[in-house]
Structure formats: C-alpha cells, structure tokens
C-alpha cells in the first residue's frame, strides 16, 4: 500500500512540549506546510520507511528488500547495490546520516 494514498482522516490529540510546538509551527509556517501533514508524513515514514538507493536513486520500502550478508546494508531491489560498492569515506557519511534519522525516529535528539 502506498503511504501517500488518500482515505479517511482521523483526529489525533497529542501532547507536545510548548517550545517544541512553537518552533515547529514557526518552521512549518515559513515552509507553508501544515503541521498535520508533517505529523502524517512522519508517522507514515515511521510505519513504513521508504528510502532511496545511494547508487541509482530508486525509492523502495526498507522492509521489502534483502540485506547483504557481507556488509549488512539493504540491497537496492533495482540495481542490487549495497555498502560493498562504496568507499570507506562514503560509507562513513551514509552511516552518520542514517544515525541522524535513527536518532530522530527514536526520539534521541535533544535541544
């Protein structure tokens, strides 16, 4: 199922730190993005992460691909690229960028 599919909407009540909410509203206003869309996009990504291949740019769901037995990275379903085909410097950059997203999803990023 495509996470962008339309459908019925449910009301959600959440409790968020006042300053976090204020800053988020200001940033969303600057970018002209409704907070509800930001929350929906985050929850959709959290439930069904979609990533892009660093080699060919193909978008795919991380839950629907195999891992390379040698390097442990996801294999692109289109070009089969994995971490075995990148330099150590590129692998480090990808690793730390992924770490930022994992911290974000797990709530480990603090102000």
C-alpha atoms as a PDB file:
ATOM      1  CA  UNK A   1       0.000   0.000   0.000  1.00  0.00           C
ATOM      2  CA  UNK A   2       1.361   3.405  -0.936  1.00  0.00           C
ATOM      3  CA  UNK A   3       1.698   5.609   2.117  1.00  0.00           C
ATOM      4  CA  UNK A   4       0.509   8.599   0.080  1.00  0.00           C
ATOM      5  CA  UNK A   5      -2.884   7.019  -0.635  1.00  0.00           C
ATOM      6  CA  UNK A   6      -5.874   9.077   0.278  1.00  0.00           C
ATOM      7  CA  UNK A   7      -8.504   7.902   2.656  1.00  0.00           C
ATOM      8  CA  UNK A   8     -10.498   8.867   5.648  1.00  0.00           C
ATOM      9  CA  UNK A   9      -8.847  11.094   8.194  1.00  0.00           C
ATOM     10  CA  UNK A  10      -8.852  10.516  11.945  1.00  0.00           C
ATOM     11  CA  UNK A  11      -8.473  13.185  14.576  1.00  0.00           C
ATOM     12  CA  UNK A  12      -5.363  12.844  16.744  1.00  0.00           C
ATOM     13  CA  UNK A  13      -4.684  14.502  20.065  1.00  0.00           C
ATOM     14  CA  UNK A  14      -1.047  14.724  21.116  1.00  0.00           C
ATOM     15  CA  UNK A  15       0.817  16.398  23.936  1.00  0.00           C
ATOM     16  CA  UNK A  16       3.990  18.208  22.886  1.00  0.00           C
ATOM     17  CA  UNK A  17       6.425  20.444  24.739  1.00  0.00           C
ATOM     18  CA  UNK A  18       5.272  24.064  24.291  1.00  0.00           C
ATOM     19  CA  UNK A  19       8.587  25.359  22.899  1.00  0.00           C
ATOM     20  CA  UNK A  20       8.948  22.436  20.516  1.00  0.00           C
ATOM     21  CA  UNK A  21       5.432  23.044  19.195  1.00  0.00           C
ATOM     22  CA  UNK A  22       6.015  26.787  18.873  1.00  0.00           C
ATOM     23  CA  UNK A  23       9.260  26.287  16.916  1.00  0.00           C
ATOM     24  CA  UNK A  24       7.642  23.627  14.736  1.00  0.00           C
ATOM     25  CA  UNK A  25       4.722  25.924  13.923  1.00  0.00           C
ATOM     26  CA  UNK A  26       7.096  28.758  13.003  1.00  0.00           C
ATOM     27  CA  UNK A  27       9.205  26.482  10.779  1.00  0.00           C
ATOM     28  CA  UNK A  28       6.086  24.977   9.172  1.00  0.00           C
ATOM     29  CA  UNK A  29       4.668  28.446   8.514  1.00  0.00           C
ATOM     30  CA  UNK A  30       7.919  29.543   6.842  1.00  0.00           C
ATOM     31  CA  UNK A  31       7.773  26.489   4.596  1.00  0.00           C
ATOM     32  CA  UNK A  32       3.989  26.697   4.143  1.00  0.00           C
ATOM     33  CA  UNK A  33       3.473  23.140   5.367  1.00  0.00           C
ATOM     34  CA  UNK A  34       0.545  22.316   7.667  1.00  0.00           C
ATOM     35  CA  UNK A  35       1.583  20.671  10.936  1.00  0.00           C
ATOM     36  CA  UNK A  36      -0.928  17.910  10.323  1.00  0.00           C
ATOM     37  CA  UNK A  37       0.875  16.993   7.082  1.00  0.00           C
ATOM     38  CA  UNK A  38       4.240  16.945   8.869  1.00  0.00           C
ATOM     39  CA  UNK A  39       2.904  14.636  11.553  1.00  0.00           C
ATOM     40  CA  UNK A  40       1.187  12.396   8.994  1.00  0.00           C
ATOM     41  CA  UNK A  41       4.359  12.160   6.873  1.00  0.00           C
ATOM     42  CA  UNK A  42       6.480  11.336   9.920  1.00  0.00           C
ATOM     43  CA  UNK A  43       4.069   8.637  11.114  1.00  0.00           C
ATOM     44  CA  UNK A  44       3.844   7.154   7.601  1.00  0.00           C
ATOM     45  CA  UNK A  45       7.640   7.016   7.351  1.00  0.00           C
ATOM     46  CA  UNK A  46       7.906   5.572  10.853  1.00  0.00           C
ATOM     47  CA  UNK A  47       5.415   2.803   9.999  1.00  0.00           C
ATOM     48  CA  UNK A  48       6.733   2.026   6.508  1.00  0.00           C
ATOM     49  CA  UNK A  49      10.151   3.594   5.879  1.00  0.00           C
ATOM     50  CA  UNK A  50      10.883   4.408   2.258  1.00  0.00           C
ATOM     51  CA  UNK A  51      14.479   5.127   1.315  1.00  0.00           C
ATOM     52  CA  UNK A  52      16.419   5.961  -1.834  1.00  0.00           C
ATOM     53  CA  UNK A  53      19.246   3.920  -3.297  1.00  0.00           C
ATOM     54  CA  UNK A  54      22.529   5.817  -2.998  1.00  0.00           C
ATOM     55  CA  UNK A  55      23.590   4.345  -6.341  1.00  0.00           C
ATOM     56  CA  UNK A  56      20.627   4.563  -8.754  1.00  0.00           C
ATOM     57  CA  UNK A  57      18.200   6.780  -6.816  1.00  0.00           C
ATOM     58  CA  UNK A  58      15.368   4.222  -6.832  1.00  0.00           C
ATOM     59  CA  UNK A  59      12.871   4.669  -3.985  1.00  0.00           C
ATOM     60  CA  UNK A  60      11.939   1.494  -2.111  1.00  0.00           C
ATOM     61  CA  UNK A  61      10.483   0.329   1.190  1.00  0.00           C
ATOM     62  CA  UNK A  62      13.203  -0.740   3.575  1.00  0.00           C
ATOM     63  CA  UNK A  63      11.002  -3.576   4.816  1.00  0.00           C
ATOM     64  CA  UNK A  64      10.767  -5.111   1.337  1.00  0.00           C
ATOM     65  CA  UNK A  65      14.404  -5.730   0.492  1.00  0.00           C
ATOM     66  CA  UNK A  66      17.170  -8.128   1.408  1.00  0.00           C
ATOM     67  CA  UNK A  67      20.247  -7.327   3.451  1.00  0.00           C
ATOM     68  CA  UNK A  68      23.720  -8.009   2.112  1.00  0.00           C
ATOM     69  CA  UNK A  69      25.256 -10.849   4.125  1.00  0.00           C
ATOM     70  CA  UNK A  70      28.735  -9.304   3.789  1.00  0.00           C
ATOM     71  CA  UNK A  71      28.167  -5.657   4.756  1.00  0.00           C
ATOM     72  CA  UNK A  72      24.697  -5.766   6.376  1.00  0.00           C
ATOM     73  CA  UNK A  73      23.300  -2.955   4.216  1.00  0.00           C
ATOM     74  CA  UNK A  74      19.993  -3.063   2.373  1.00  0.00           C
ATOM     75  CA  UNK A  75      20.289  -4.159  -1.243  1.00  0.00           C
ATOM     76  CA  UNK A  76      18.539  -1.956  -3.777  1.00  0.00           C
ATOM     77  CA  UNK A  77      15.805  -4.048  -5.423  1.00  0.00           C
ATOM     78  CA  UNK A  78      16.515  -2.350  -8.774  1.00  0.00           C
ATOM     79  CA  UNK A  79      20.328  -2.270  -9.095  1.00  0.00           C
ATOM     80  CA  UNK A  80      21.283  -4.558  -6.136  1.00  0.00           C
ATOM     81  CA  UNK A  81      23.824  -2.019  -4.825  1.00  0.00           C
ATOM     82  CA  UNK A  82      24.839  -2.294  -1.178  1.00  0.00           C
ATOM     83  CA  UNK A  83      27.606  -0.955   1.054  1.00  0.00           C
ATOM     84  CA  UNK A  84      30.195  -3.231  -0.540  1.00  0.00           C
ATOM     85  CA  UNK A  85      30.381  -0.913  -3.553  1.00  0.00           C
ATOM     86  CA  UNK A  86      31.220   2.381  -1.779  1.00  0.00           C
ATOM     87  CA  UNK A  87      34.446   3.839  -0.403  1.00  0.00           C
ATOM     88  CA  UNK A  88      35.089   3.958   3.341  1.00  0.00           C
ATOM     89  CA  UNK A  89      34.600   7.735   3.291  1.00  0.00           C
ATOM     90  CA  UNK A  90      31.220   7.449   1.566  1.00  0.00           C
ATOM     91  CA  UNK A  91      30.176   4.588   3.863  1.00  0.00           C
ATOM     92  CA  UNK A  92      31.020   6.748   6.903  1.00  0.00           C
ATOM     93  CA  UNK A  93      28.970   9.668   5.545  1.00  0.00           C
ATOM     94  CA  UNK A  94      25.986   7.412   4.850  1.00  0.00           C
ATOM     95  CA  UNK A  95      26.337   5.771   8.286  1.00  0.00           C
ATOM     96  CA  UNK A  96      26.262   9.092  10.157  1.00  0.00           C
ATOM     97  CA  UNK A  97      23.392  10.452   8.075  1.00  0.00           C
ATOM     98  CA  UNK A  98      21.416   7.300   8.847  1.00  0.00           C
ATOM     99  CA  UNK A  99      22.311   7.702  12.530  1.00  0.00           C
ATOM    100  CA  UNK A 100      20.710  11.173  12.499  1.00  0.00           C
ATOM    101  CA  UNK A 101      17.469   9.708  11.142  1.00  0.00           C
ATOM    102  CA  UNK A 102      17.515   6.827  13.624  1.00  0.00           C
ATOM    103  CA  UNK A 103      18.035   9.289  16.479  1.00  0.00           C
ATOM    104  CA  UNK A 104      15.165  11.389  15.174  1.00  0.00           C
ATOM    105  CA  UNK A 105      12.822   8.416  14.904  1.00  0.00           C
ATOM    106  CA  UNK A 106      13.788   7.086  18.334  1.00  0.00           C
ATOM    107  CA  UNK A 107      13.450  10.497  19.977  1.00  0.00           C
ATOM    108  CA  UNK A 108      17.112  10.697  20.987  1.00  0.00           C
ATOM    109  CA  UNK A 109      17.707  14.158  19.514  1.00  0.00           C
ATOM    110  CA  UNK A 110      17.547  16.774  22.260  1.00  0.00           C
ATOM    111  CA  UNK A 111      17.706  20.532  22.070  1.00  0.00           C
END
